Amino acid sequence: MSDQANDAPTNSGFEKWFRMPDAAKLSVRGLDRSSLAVTEIRYDRPNYGMTDPVTKQDGFSIGLQLRPYPFHELWYDGRAVPVYDVRANDTLLFDLRTVQASRLAVPFHSLQFFLSRALLNELSDDLESPRIDQINCPTGKPVTDPVIARLGNAVRPALAMPDEANELFASHLMLVLSIHACVTYGGMKTPRPSPGGLSAWQERAAKELIEAHVDGSLALSRVAAVCGLSTSHFAHAFRESVGVAPHKWLLTRRVDRAKDLLQRSRSSLTDIALQCGFADQSHFNRIFRRATGQTPGAWRATVH
């Protein structure tokens, strides 16, 4: 999925610095012109050596480490900074205005989330919070952050199967990770959510709009705008009113629509999968079975 925002950086450049042009990447549109990008970096042999020089830019990298390693070095201002005892699911935060390169001697595997300055500014404005100057990145100090670890696990299937990553899910993931990073490491203040969730008309409008774009092509910000809310307020209010996040509600509606087509039509499973917004029949089978305990074919046989 590629970012369509003009003039907004969509990738921090990790695949270039690590000389991995085929690295798995996911880039999604932000609230307006910004973006959030995720790159999976993996090297399974020892003695990788030095990366290429890091291109200086106004943004931050949130690196979720997927395998442990005892030691590597980072370069800041022309000097090497040792990093010790990184564990699986630890996070390393980098200010891309200051980090210059890295040297690794053991196999490594990580997800690198790129948060641009434009994203931080738009998020602050959306939350009506003062803009933050930076995200606190302790030099060479891994941190344990269960929220980032969970988000990393959530994004890995999308990296492995980008055709199944709908825009609604990716937008929601971007919003959660960005708010968490800004609040936890940047001191951003978030407004207290208003009680009660969505009003009746807002809930109805949001559901109708999401269902009309069952393929997930509609960004979360557009649904929020119809309801007259900021993106962050809408995401919280929808979950409070409906009980699940928007992208999860969309998956439920896809399954419901599929049930209807399975029962009243003779269309093939592949055709029904595409009509309901699934990437292919394999994706359809997996989501349908998760929701009902049966494959679509087996379910159809029980109702005919």
Foldseek 3Di string as FASTA:
>chain_A
DDEDAPPEDFDQCPCQQLVNPPWQKDWAAALHRYIKMKTKDWDAAFFSFKTHWGDAAQWKKKKQWQAWDAWKWWDWPRDTDIAGTGHHRWIAMDGSNTTTIITGGHTTIIMIMIGHLVRQVVLCVQQVWDGFDDFDGPPNYIHHDVVVSVLVVVCVVCSVPVLQDAQANVRVSVSVVSVCRCVVGGVIDGDDADPDFADPVLLVQLVVVCQVPLLRHDHQSVSQVVSVGRSVNNQVSNCNVVVDGPVVVSLVSLLVQLLVCLAPHPDDLQVSCVVRNGSGSVRQQVSNCVVPVHGSVVSSVVND
